[in-house]
Amino acid sequence: MLAYLTEEALSQCINTAIREDIGEGDHSTLAAIPADAVSRAQMIIKDDGIIAGLEVAKRVFNAVEPRLKVTLKKQDGDVVKKGDIALVVEGPVRGILSAERLVLNFAQRMSGIATRTNHLMTLLEGTNTRLLDTRKTTPNVRVMEKWAVHIGGGTNHRFGLYDMVMLKDNHNDYAGGITQSVQATHKYLKEHNLNLRIEVETRNLEEVKECIEVGGIDVVMLDNMSPAQMKEAIAVIDGKFETEASGGITEENIREMAEAGVDFISVGALTHSVKSLDISLKAF
């Protein structure tokens, strides 16, 4: 299991969503549906793509109503097409209805992210470049969105501000430069007995050279550079650090960026501007 996919993190995310949506009670369902009503429903895929969020769906259904039985017809990461049935849920109707929107919200968003990630991964086939996500996620559901990137075949970057040091342009400018920023970071990590990877953002070849001079870092981010500039920077780095391309990455240029020789390409759009997959839950 991925480090951030703990039972505590998943339960906290799901329980917060339940409190937000159901609150003191699903009055529509409580009013219209008898307490002893039992039936079933199926999740219907209405778009082609990669399905994600099915394991989450099981957890949501059972958190809302433990007596519900969920049978998965597909698995997270499967290729799906319009008309496919992803799961069947059976049991108390009140539980099915109260959980419906939460299940769909998670599955639609996660499937959209997984589908987009998978598409960009196909554009990188044959290269050694890995596709990274970012911290540009929806507050309180980062665990689900990064999980969806993983399901789609991408690689998770740092989860938060605490599990890696990333010295971006503002850090370096406020600190007085890359050299000062990196040196202060090493002092801080030593004083606090922390062993964290260090990544430094660079905007031009001069800053790349400064990274080499100061040393003691793991990854150099090449921000908003052209493929030609990246090739030059990678030649200068000469294997001393790993490299990450970031900024201005599109479907049209991602392949060229990869072929420039970078180890990673980070794409914030994987999580901040995807189109959700169309999915519905219907009684049958």
C-alpha atoms as a PDB file:
ATOM      1  CA  MET A   1       0.000   0.000   0.000  1.00  0.00           C
ATOM      2  CA  LEU A   2       1.186   3.532  -0.747  1.00  0.00           C
ATOM      3  CA  ALA A   3       2.518   5.317   2.332  1.00  0.00           C
ATOM      4  CA  TYR A   4      -0.285   7.868   2.459  1.00  0.00           C
ATOM      5  CA  LEU A   5      -3.048   5.277   1.932  1.00  0.00           C
ATOM      6  CA  THR A   6      -3.517   4.491   5.588  1.00  0.00           C
ATOM      7  CA  GLU A   7      -6.779   3.298   7.076  1.00  0.00           C
ATOM      8  CA  GLU A   8      -6.816   6.458   9.178  1.00  0.00           C
ATOM      9  CA  ALA A   9      -6.415   8.766   6.168  1.00  0.00           C
ATOM     10  CA  LEU A  10      -9.090   7.003   4.125  1.00  0.00           C
ATOM     11  CA  SER A  11     -11.550   6.849   7.009  1.00  0.00           C
ATOM     12  CA  GLN A  12     -11.006  10.501   7.865  1.00  0.00           C
ATOM     13  CA  CYS A  13     -11.606  11.583   4.252  1.00  0.00           C
ATOM     14  CA  ILE A  14     -14.732   9.457   3.887  1.00  0.00           C
ATOM     15  CA  ASN A  15     -16.196  10.355   7.277  1.00  0.00           C
ATOM     16  CA  THR A  16     -15.663  14.076   6.637  1.00  0.00           C
ATOM     17  CA  ALA A  17     -17.472  13.723   3.298  1.00  0.00           C
ATOM     18  CA  ILE A  18     -20.353  11.869   4.957  1.00  0.00           C
ATOM     19  CA  ARG A  19     -20.741  14.545   7.613  1.00  0.00           C
ATOM     20  CA  GLU A  20     -20.679  17.259   4.962  1.00  0.00           C
ATOM     21  CA  ASP A  21     -23.326  15.591   2.790  1.00  0.00           C
ATOM     22  CA  ILE A  22     -25.664  13.805   5.198  1.00  0.00           C
ATOM     23  CA  GLY A  23     -25.334  16.008   8.260  1.00  0.00           C
ATOM     24  CA  GLU A  24     -28.178  15.361  10.703  1.00  0.00           C
ATOM     25  CA  GLY A  25     -29.898  13.037   8.257  1.00  0.00           C
ATOM     26  CA  ASP A  26     -30.939  12.380   4.648  1.00  0.00           C
ATOM     27  CA  HIS A  27     -34.462  13.682   5.129  1.00  0.00           C
ATOM     28  CA  SER A  28     -35.552  13.006   1.543  1.00  0.00           C
ATOM     29  CA  THR A  29     -34.781   9.323   1.913  1.00  0.00           C
ATOM     30  CA  LEU A  30     -35.980   9.054   5.514  1.00  0.00           C
ATOM     31  CA  ALA A  31     -39.287  10.603   4.492  1.00  0.00           C
ATOM     32  CA  ALA A  32     -39.949   8.629   1.311  1.00  0.00           C
ATOM     33  CA  ILE A  33     -38.411   5.195   1.880  1.00  0.00           C
ATOM     34  CA  PRO A  34     -39.597   2.645   4.482  1.00  0.00           C
ATOM     35  CA  ALA A  35     -36.924   1.548   6.926  1.00  0.00           C
ATOM     36  CA  ASP A  36     -37.285  -2.115   5.909  1.00  0.00           C
ATOM     37  CA  ALA A  37     -37.052  -1.535   2.127  1.00  0.00           C
ATOM     38  CA  VAL A  38     -34.369  -3.676   0.491  1.00  0.00           C
ATOM     39  CA  SER A  39     -33.235  -3.584  -3.144  1.00  0.00           C
ATOM     40  CA  ARG A  40     -30.208  -3.213  -5.376  1.00  0.00           C
ATOM     41  CA  ALA A  41     -28.528  -0.753  -7.721  1.00  0.00           C
ATOM     42  CA  GLN A  42     -25.744  -0.865 -10.290  1.00  0.00           C
ATOM     43  CA  MET A  43     -23.027   1.622 -11.188  1.00  0.00           C
ATOM     44  CA  ILE A  44     -23.197   2.330 -14.912  1.00  0.00           C
ATOM     45  CA  ILE A  45     -20.242   3.741 -16.855  1.00  0.00           C
ATOM     46  CA  LYS A  46     -21.312   6.420 -19.359  1.00  0.00           C
ATOM     47  CA  ASP A  47     -17.876   7.409 -20.737  1.00  0.00           C
ATOM     48  CA  ASP A  48     -14.871   5.489 -22.021  1.00  0.00           C
ATOM     49  CA  GLY A  49     -11.851   5.681 -19.740  1.00  0.00           C
ATOM     50  CA  ILE A  50     -10.044   4.218 -16.730  1.00  0.00           C
ATOM     51  CA  ILE A  51     -12.168   3.417 -13.699  1.00  0.00           C
ATOM     52  CA  ALA A  52     -10.990   4.445 -10.245  1.00  0.00           C
ATOM     53  CA  GLY A  53     -12.709   4.843  -6.902  1.00  0.00           C
ATOM     54  CA  LEU A  54     -14.352   1.417  -6.688  1.00  0.00           C
ATOM     55  CA  GLU A  55     -12.531   0.441  -3.506  1.00  0.00           C
ATOM     56  CA  VAL A  56     -13.542   3.844  -2.166  1.00  0.00           C
ATOM     57  CA  ALA A  57     -17.154   3.126  -3.175  1.00  0.00           C
ATOM     58  CA  LYS A  58     -17.169  -0.044  -1.090  1.00  0.00           C
ATOM     59  CA  ARG A  59     -15.872   1.873   1.899  1.00  0.00           C
ATOM     60  CA  VAL A  60     -18.421   4.659   1.505  1.00  0.00           C
ATOM     61  CA  PHE A  61     -21.372   2.287   1.155  1.00  0.00           C
ATOM     62  CA  ASN A  62     -20.306   0.322   4.233  1.00  0.00           C
ATOM     63  CA  ALA A  63     -19.586   3.456   6.262  1.00  0.00           C
ATOM     64  CA  VAL A  64     -23.098   4.749   5.550  1.00  0.00           C
ATOM     65  CA  GLU A  65     -24.817   1.365   5.953  1.00  0.00           C
ATOM     66  CA  PRO A  66     -22.769  -1.659   7.111  1.00  0.00           C
ATOM     67  CA  ARG A  67     -25.441  -4.089   5.887  1.00  0.00           C
ATOM     68  CA  LEU A  68     -24.912  -3.169   2.239  1.00  0.00           C
ATOM     69  CA  LYS A  69     -23.213  -5.794   0.088  1.00  0.00           C
ATOM     70  CA  VAL A  70     -21.031  -4.450  -2.725  1.00  0.00           C
ATOM     71  CA  THR A  71     -19.917  -6.683  -5.608  1.00  0.00           C
ATOM     72  CA  LEU A  72     -17.272  -5.238  -7.901  1.00  0.00           C
ATOM     73  CA  LYS A  73     -17.684  -6.070 -11.588  1.00  0.00           C
ATOM     74  CA  LYS A  74     -14.574  -4.073 -12.478  1.00  0.00           C
ATOM     75  CA  GLN A  75     -11.358  -3.294 -10.617  1.00  0.00           C
ATOM     76  CA  ASP A  76      -9.643   0.056 -10.095  1.00  0.00           C
ATOM     77  CA  GLY A  77      -7.403   0.685 -13.110  1.00  0.00           C
ATOM     78  CA  ASP A  78      -9.518  -1.300 -15.568  1.00  0.00           C
ATOM     79  CA  VAL A  79     -10.265   0.120 -18.991  1.00  0.00           C
ATOM     80  CA  VAL A  80     -14.015   0.732 -19.208  1.00  0.00           C
ATOM     81  CA  LYS A  81     -16.397   1.788 -21.943  1.00  0.00           C
ATOM     82  CA  LYS A  82     -19.850   3.324 -22.062  1.00  0.00           C
ATOM     83  CA  GLY A  83     -22.462   0.854 -20.846  1.00  0.00           C
ATOM     84  CA  ASP A  84     -20.160  -1.206 -18.607  1.00  0.00           C
ATOM     85  CA  ILE A  85     -21.362  -2.107 -15.102  1.00  0.00           C
ATOM     86  CA  ALA A  86     -18.700  -1.318 -12.506  1.00  0.00           C
ATOM     87  CA  LEU A  87     -20.399  -2.617  -9.362  1.00  0.00           C
ATOM     88  CA  VAL A  88     -23.652  -3.852  -7.883  1.00  0.00           C
ATOM     89  CA  VAL A  89     -24.822  -2.872  -4.396  1.00  0.00           C
ATOM     90  CA  GLU A  90     -27.565  -4.715  -2.518  1.00  0.00           C
ATOM     91  CA  GLY A  91     -29.291  -4.112   0.807  1.00  0.00           C
ATOM     92  CA  PRO A  92     -31.240  -1.410   2.656  1.00  0.00           C
ATOM     93  CA  VAL A  93     -32.497   1.155   0.151  1.00  0.00           C
ATOM     94  CA  ARG A  94     -32.001   4.013   2.589  1.00  0.00           C
ATOM     95  CA  GLY A  95     -28.288   3.243   2.725  1.00  0.00           C
ATOM     96  CA  ILE A  96     -27.996   3.006  -1.069  1.00  0.00           C
ATOM     97  CA  LEU A  97     -29.658   6.387  -1.564  1.00  0.00           C
ATOM     98  CA  SER A  98     -27.789   8.196   1.198  1.00  0.00           C
ATOM     99  CA  ALA A  99     -24.409   6.978  -0.087  1.00  0.00           C
ATOM    100  CA  GLU A 100     -25.179   7.411  -3.803  1.00  0.00           C
ATOM    101  CA  ARG A 101     -23.887  10.928  -4.393  1.00  0.00           C
ATOM    102  CA  LEU A 102     -20.737  10.463  -2.316  1.00  0.00           C
ATOM    103  CA  VAL A 103     -19.906   7.253  -4.155  1.00  0.00           C
ATOM    104  CA  LEU A 104     -20.399   8.924  -7.521  1.00  0.00           C
ATOM    105  CA  ASN A 105     -18.517  12.095  -6.591  1.00  0.00           C
ATOM    106  CA  PHE A 106     -15.445  10.093  -5.597  1.00  0.00           C
ATOM    107  CA  ALA A 107     -15.640   7.656  -8.526  1.00  0.00           C
ATOM    108  CA  GLN A 108     -16.286  10.300 -11.184  1.00  0.00           C
ATOM    109  CA  ARG A 109     -13.445  12.551 -10.038  1.00  0.00           C
ATOM    110  CA  MET A 110     -10.970   9.755  -9.419  1.00  0.00           C
ATOM    111  CA  SER A 111     -11.794   8.117 -12.762  1.00  0.00           C
ATOM    112  CA  GLY A 112     -11.303  11.431 -14.559  1.00  0.00           C
ATOM    113  CA  ILE A 113      -7.864  11.793 -12.974  1.00  0.00           C
ATOM    114  CA  ALA A 114      -6.914   8.174 -13.700  1.00  0.00           C
ATOM    115  CA  THR A 115      -8.096   8.502 -17.302  1.00  0.00           C
ATOM    116  CA  ARG A 116      -6.124  11.695 -17.887  1.00  0.00           C
ATOM    117  CA  THR A 117      -3.030  10.239 -16.252  1.00  0.00           C
ATOM    118  CA  ASN A 118      -3.246   7.086 -18.341  1.00  0.00           C
ATOM    119  CA  HIS A 119      -3.579   9.121 -21.528  1.00  0.00           C
ATOM    120  CA  LEU A 120      -0.444  11.152 -20.787  1.00  0.00           C
ATOM    121  CA  MET A 121       1.394   7.966 -19.860  1.00  0.00           C
ATOM    122  CA  THR A 122       0.713   6.588 -23.333  1.00  0.00           C
ATOM    123  CA  LEU A 123       2.414   9.673 -24.775  1.00  0.00           C
ATOM    124  CA  LEU A 124       5.542   8.839 -22.741  1.00  0.00           C
ATOM    125  CA  GLU A 125       5.761   5.196 -23.821  1.00  0.00           C
ATOM    126  CA  GLY A 126       9.267   4.190 -24.845  1.00  0.00           C
ATOM    127  CA  THR A 127      10.969   6.881 -22.760  1.00  0.00           C
ATOM    128  CA  ASN A 128      12.476   6.580 -19.280  1.00  0.00           C
ATOM    129  CA  THR A 129      10.564   9.615 -17.998  1.00  0.00           C
ATOM    130  CA  ARG A 130       8.105   9.231 -15.140  1.00  0.00           C
ATOM    131  CA  LEU A 131       4.930  11.316 -14.869  1.00  0.00           C
ATOM    132  CA  LEU A 132       4.466  13.108 -11.537  1.00  0.00           C
ATOM    133  CA  ASP A 133       1.482  14.736  -9.886  1.00  0.00           C
ATOM    134  CA  THR A 134       1.718  17.869  -7.704  1.00  0.00           C
ATOM    135  CA  ARG A 135       0.145  19.406  -4.593  1.00  0.00           C
ATOM    136  CA  LYS A 136      -2.424  21.179  -6.774  1.00  0.00           C
ATOM    137  CA  THR A 137      -5.220  19.088  -5.335  1.00  0.00           C
ATOM    138  CA  THR A 138      -8.661  19.649  -3.834  1.00  0.00           C
ATOM    139  CA  PRO A 139      -8.369  20.404  -0.105  1.00  0.00           C
ATOM    140  CA  ASN A 140      -9.295  17.449   2.141  1.00  0.00           C
ATOM    141  CA  VAL A 141      -9.356  14.860  -0.683  1.00  0.00           C
ATOM    142  CA  ARG A 142      -5.691  14.816  -1.722  1.00  0.00           C
ATOM    143  CA  VAL A 143      -5.385  11.197  -0.623  1.00  0.00           C
ATOM    144  CA  MET A 144      -8.068  10.174  -3.136  1.00  0.00           C
ATOM    145  CA  GLU A 145      -6.716  12.304  -5.971  1.00  0.00           C
ATOM    146  CA  LYS A 146      -3.138  11.103  -5.612  1.00  0.00           C
ATOM    147  CA  TRP A 147      -4.428   7.536  -5.360  1.00  0.00           C
ATOM    148  CA  ALA A 148      -6.210   8.100  -8.679  1.00  0.00           C
ATOM    149  CA  VAL A 149      -2.956   9.267 -10.295  1.00  0.00           C
ATOM    150  CA  HIS A 150      -1.306   6.061  -9.107  1.00  0.00           C
ATOM    151  CA  ILE A 151      -4.193   3.977 -10.447  1.00  0.00           C
ATOM    152  CA  GLY A 152      -3.789   5.709 -13.817  1.00  0.00           C
ATOM    153  CA  GLY A 153      -0.115   4.716 -13.975  1.00  0.00           C
ATOM    154  CA  GLY A 154       1.492   7.949 -12.783  1.00  0.00           C
ATOM    155  CA  THR A 155       3.998   8.472  -9.974  1.00  0.00           C
ATOM    156  CA  ASN A 156       3.148  10.410  -6.836  1.00  0.00           C
ATOM    157  CA  HIS A 157       5.390  13.354  -5.999  1.00  0.00           C
ATOM    158  CA  ARG A 158       5.648  14.510  -2.375  1.00  0.00           C
ATOM    159  CA  PHE A 159       2.343  14.212  -0.538  1.00  0.00           C
ATOM    160  CA  GLY A 160       2.695  17.405   1.475  1.00  0.00           C
ATOM    161  CA  LEU A 161       5.118  20.001   2.737  1.00  0.00           C
ATOM    162  CA  TYR A 162       6.501  17.637   5.360  1.00  0.00           C
ATOM    163  CA  ASP A 163       7.871  14.680   3.386  1.00  0.00           C
ATOM    164  CA  MET A 164      10.318  16.401   1.043  1.00  0.00           C
ATOM    165  CA  VAL A 165      12.096  19.750   0.730  1.00  0.00           C
ATOM    166  CA  MET A 166      11.280  21.675  -2.435  1.00  0.00           C
ATOM    167  CA  LEU A 167      13.025  25.020  -2.706  1.00  0.00           C
ATOM    168  CA  LYS A 168      11.038  26.941  -5.282  1.00  0.00           C
ATOM    169  CA  ASP A 169      11.721  30.346  -6.785  1.00  0.00           C
ATOM    170  CA  ASN A 170      10.103  32.270  -3.919  1.00  0.00           C
ATOM    171  CA  HIS A 171      12.053  30.310  -1.302  1.00  0.00           C
ATOM    172  CA  ASN A 172      15.300  31.032  -3.117  1.00  0.00           C
ATOM    173  CA  ASP A 173      14.492  34.685  -3.751  1.00  0.00           C
ATOM    174  CA  TYR A 174      13.479  35.303  -0.131  1.00  0.00           C
ATOM    175  CA  ALA A 175      16.570  33.461   1.133  1.00  0.00           C
ATOM    176  CA  GLY A 176      18.898  35.554  -1.050  1.00  0.00           C
ATOM    177  CA  GLY A 177      19.614  32.938  -3.687  1.00  0.00           C
ATOM    178  CA  ILE A 178      19.885  29.209  -4.306  1.00  0.00           C
ATOM    179  CA  THR A 179      23.188  28.875  -2.466  1.00  0.00           C
ATOM    180  CA  GLN A 180      21.847  30.516   0.681  1.00  0.00           C
ATOM    181  CA  SER A 181      18.596  28.558   0.490  1.00  0.00           C
ATOM    182  CA  VAL A 182      20.308  25.181   0.127  1.00  0.00           C
ATOM    183  CA  GLN A 183      22.903  25.873   2.814  1.00  0.00           C
ATOM    184  CA  ALA A 184      20.211  26.978   5.258  1.00  0.00           C
ATOM    185  CA  THR A 185      18.222  23.843   4.452  1.00  0.00           C
ATOM    186  CA  HIS A 186      21.154  21.545   5.223  1.00  0.00           C
ATOM    187  CA  LYS A 187      21.663  23.311   8.546  1.00  0.00           C
ATOM    188  CA  TYR A 188      17.974  22.998   9.387  1.00  0.00           C
ATOM    189  CA  LEU A 189      17.781  19.297   8.470  1.00  0.00           C
ATOM    190  CA  LYS A 190      20.858  18.510  10.550  1.00  0.00           C
ATOM    191  CA  GLU A 191      19.568  20.440  13.558  1.00  0.00           C
ATOM    192  CA  HIS A 192      16.216  18.648  13.400  1.00  0.00           C
ATOM    193  CA  ASN A 193      17.676  15.212  12.589  1.00  0.00           C
ATOM    194  CA  LEU A 194      15.657  14.977   9.360  1.00  0.00           C
ATOM    195  CA  ASN A 195      16.546  12.898   6.321  1.00  0.00           C
ATOM    196  CA  LEU A 196      14.576  14.414   3.429  1.00  0.00           C
ATOM    197  CA  ARG A 197      15.207  14.638  -0.285  1.00  0.00           C
ATOM    198  CA  ILE A 198      15.930  18.141  -1.542  1.00  0.00           C
ATOM    199  CA  GLU A 199      14.679  19.515  -4.844  1.00  0.00           C
ATOM    200  CA  VAL A 200      15.576  22.963  -6.160  1.00  0.00           C
ATOM    201  CA  GLU A 201      13.705  24.902  -8.811  1.00  0.00           C
ATOM    202  CA  THR A 202      15.755  26.622 -11.499  1.00  0.00           C
ATOM    203  CA  ARG A 203      14.669  29.118 -14.143  1.00  0.00           C
ATOM    204  CA  ASN A 204      17.779  29.310 -16.306  1.00  0.00           C
ATOM    205  CA  LEU A 205      21.168  27.745 -16.960  1.00  0.00           C
ATOM    206  CA  GLU A 206      22.911  30.058 -14.497  1.00  0.00           C
ATOM    207  CA  GLU A 207      20.750  28.750 -11.664  1.00  0.00           C
ATOM    208  CA  VAL A 208      21.397  25.171 -12.780  1.00  0.00           C
ATOM    209  CA  LYS A 209      25.127  25.848 -12.562  1.00  0.00           C
ATOM    210  CA  GLU A 210      24.638  27.345  -9.096  1.00  0.00           C
ATOM    211  CA  CYS A 211      22.968  24.086  -8.004  1.00  0.00           C
ATOM    212  CA  ILE A 212      26.017  22.161  -9.154  1.00  0.00           C
ATOM    213  CA  GLU A 213      28.350  24.519  -7.308  1.00  0.00           C
ATOM    214  CA  VAL A 214      26.471  24.357  -4.009  1.00  0.00           C
ATOM    215  CA  GLY A 215      25.757  20.625  -4.278  1.00  0.00           C
ATOM    216  CA  GLY A 216      23.965  18.514  -1.704  1.00  0.00           C
ATOM    217  CA  ILE A 217      20.654  18.276  -3.537  1.00  0.00           C
ATOM    218  CA  ASP A 218      18.771  15.382  -5.113  1.00  0.00           C
ATOM    219  CA  VAL A 219      16.621  16.844  -7.881  1.00  0.00           C
ATOM    220  CA  VAL A 220      16.860  19.936 -10.074  1.00  0.00           C
ATOM    221  CA  MET A 221      13.567  21.263 -11.387  1.00  0.00           C
ATOM    222  CA  LEU A 222      13.806  22.810 -14.842  1.00  0.00           C
ATOM    223  CA  ASP A 223      10.932  25.268 -14.756  1.00  0.00           C
ATOM    224  CA  ASN A 224       9.295  26.555 -17.930  1.00  0.00           C
ATOM    225  CA  MET A 225      12.303  25.699 -20.067  1.00  0.00           C
ATOM    226  CA  SER A 226      12.152  24.743 -23.729  1.00  0.00           C
ATOM    227  CA  PRO A 227      13.306  21.257 -24.769  1.00  0.00           C
ATOM    228  CA  ALA A 228      16.488  22.797 -26.161  1.00  0.00           C
ATOM    229  CA  GLN A 229      17.202  24.570 -22.868  1.00  0.00           C
ATOM    230  CA  MET A 230      16.497  21.332 -20.991  1.00  0.00           C
ATOM    231  CA  LYS A 231      18.962  19.400 -23.107  1.00  0.00           C
ATOM    232  CA  GLU A 232      21.617  21.986 -22.373  1.00  0.00           C
ATOM    233  CA  ALA A 233      20.845  21.919 -18.649  1.00  0.00           C
ATOM    234  CA  ILE A 234      20.885  18.114 -18.534  1.00  0.00           C
ATOM    235  CA  ALA A 235      24.254  18.091 -20.269  1.00  0.00           C
ATOM    236  CA  VAL A 236      25.621  20.493 -17.657  1.00  0.00           C
ATOM    237  CA  ILE A 237      24.153  18.445 -14.781  1.00  0.00           C
ATOM    238  CA  ASP A 238      25.733  15.327 -16.293  1.00  0.00           C
ATOM    239  CA  GLY A 239      24.016  12.841 -13.998  1.00  0.00           C
ATOM    240  CA  LYS A 240      24.875  14.625 -10.740  1.00  0.00           C
ATOM    241  CA  PHE A 241      21.203  15.081  -9.894  1.00  0.00           C
ATOM    242  CA  GLU A 242      17.852  13.797 -11.114  1.00  0.00           C
ATOM    243  CA  THR A 243      15.892  16.267 -13.227  1.00  0.00           C
ATOM    244  CA  GLU A 244      12.256  17.294 -13.363  1.00  0.00           C
ATOM    245  CA  ALA A 245      10.528  19.292 -16.087  1.00  0.00           C
ATOM    246  CA  SER A 246       7.725  21.512 -14.838  1.00  0.00           C
ATOM    247  CA  GLY A 247       5.562  24.305 -16.195  1.00  0.00           C
ATOM    248  CA  GLY A 248       3.907  24.659 -19.570  1.00  0.00           C
ATOM    249  CA  ILE A 249       3.555  20.915 -20.137  1.00  0.00           C
ATOM    250  CA  THR A 250       0.884  20.037 -22.700  1.00  0.00           C
ATOM    251  CA  GLU A 251      -0.174  17.011 -24.721  1.00  0.00           C
ATOM    252  CA  GLU A 252       1.583  18.568 -27.688  1.00  0.00           C
ATOM    253  CA  ASN A 253       4.998  18.976 -26.052  1.00  0.00           C
ATOM    254  CA  ILE A 254       5.170  16.324 -23.308  1.00  0.00           C
ATOM    255  CA  ARG A 255       6.824  13.783 -25.605  1.00  0.00           C
ATOM    256  CA  GLU A 256       9.472  16.275 -26.720  1.00  0.00           C
ATOM    257  CA  MET A 257      10.116  17.209 -23.089  1.00  0.00           C
ATOM    258  CA  ALA A 258      10.641  13.556 -22.213  1.00  0.00           C
ATOM    259  CA  GLU A 259      12.945  12.998 -25.157  1.00  0.00           C
ATOM    260  CA  ALA A 260      15.090  15.876 -23.905  1.00  0.00           C
ATOM    261  CA  GLY A 261      16.192  13.408 -21.232  1.00  0.00           C
ATOM    262  CA  VAL A 262      14.464  14.509 -18.014  1.00  0.00           C
ATOM    263  CA  ASP A 263      13.817  11.900 -15.329  1.00  0.00           C
ATOM    264  CA  PHE A 264      10.431  13.312 -14.333  1.00  0.00           C
ATOM    265  CA  ILE A 265       7.700  15.513 -15.752  1.00  0.00           C
ATOM    266  CA  SER A 266       5.236  17.035 -13.281  1.00  0.00           C
ATOM    267  CA  VAL A 267       1.768  18.033 -14.458  1.00  0.00           C
ATOM    268  CA  GLY A 268      -0.506  19.946 -12.098  1.00  0.00           C
ATOM    269  CA  ALA A 269      -3.405  19.552 -14.499  1.00  0.00           C
ATOM    270  CA  LEU A 270      -3.631  15.860 -13.576  1.00  0.00           C
ATOM    271  CA  THR A 271      -5.540  16.927 -10.492  1.00  0.00           C
ATOM    272  CA  HIS A 272      -6.510  20.592 -10.795  1.00  0.00           C
ATOM    273  CA  SER A 273      -8.376  20.654 -14.112  1.00  0.00           C
ATOM    274  CA  VAL A 274      -9.591  17.240 -15.204  1.00  0.00           C
ATOM    275  CA  LYS A 275     -12.990  16.335 -16.622  1.00  0.00           C
ATOM    276  CA  SER A 276     -14.789  13.830 -14.451  1.00  0.00           C
ATOM    277  CA  LEU A 277     -15.897  10.551 -16.004  1.00  0.00           C
ATOM    278  CA  ASP A 278     -19.678  10.320 -16.410  1.00  0.00           C
ATOM    279  CA  ILE A 279     -20.980   7.579 -14.087  1.00  0.00           C
ATOM    280  CA  SER A 280     -24.436   6.904 -12.669  1.00  0.00           C
ATOM    281  CA  LEU A 281     -26.043   4.646 -10.071  1.00  0.00           C
ATOM    282  CA  LYS A 282     -29.420   3.200 -11.008  1.00  0.00           C
ATOM    283  CA  ALA A 283     -31.916   0.836  -9.381  1.00  0.00           C
ATOM    284  CA  PHE A 284     -32.589  -2.339 -11.312  1.00  0.00           C
END
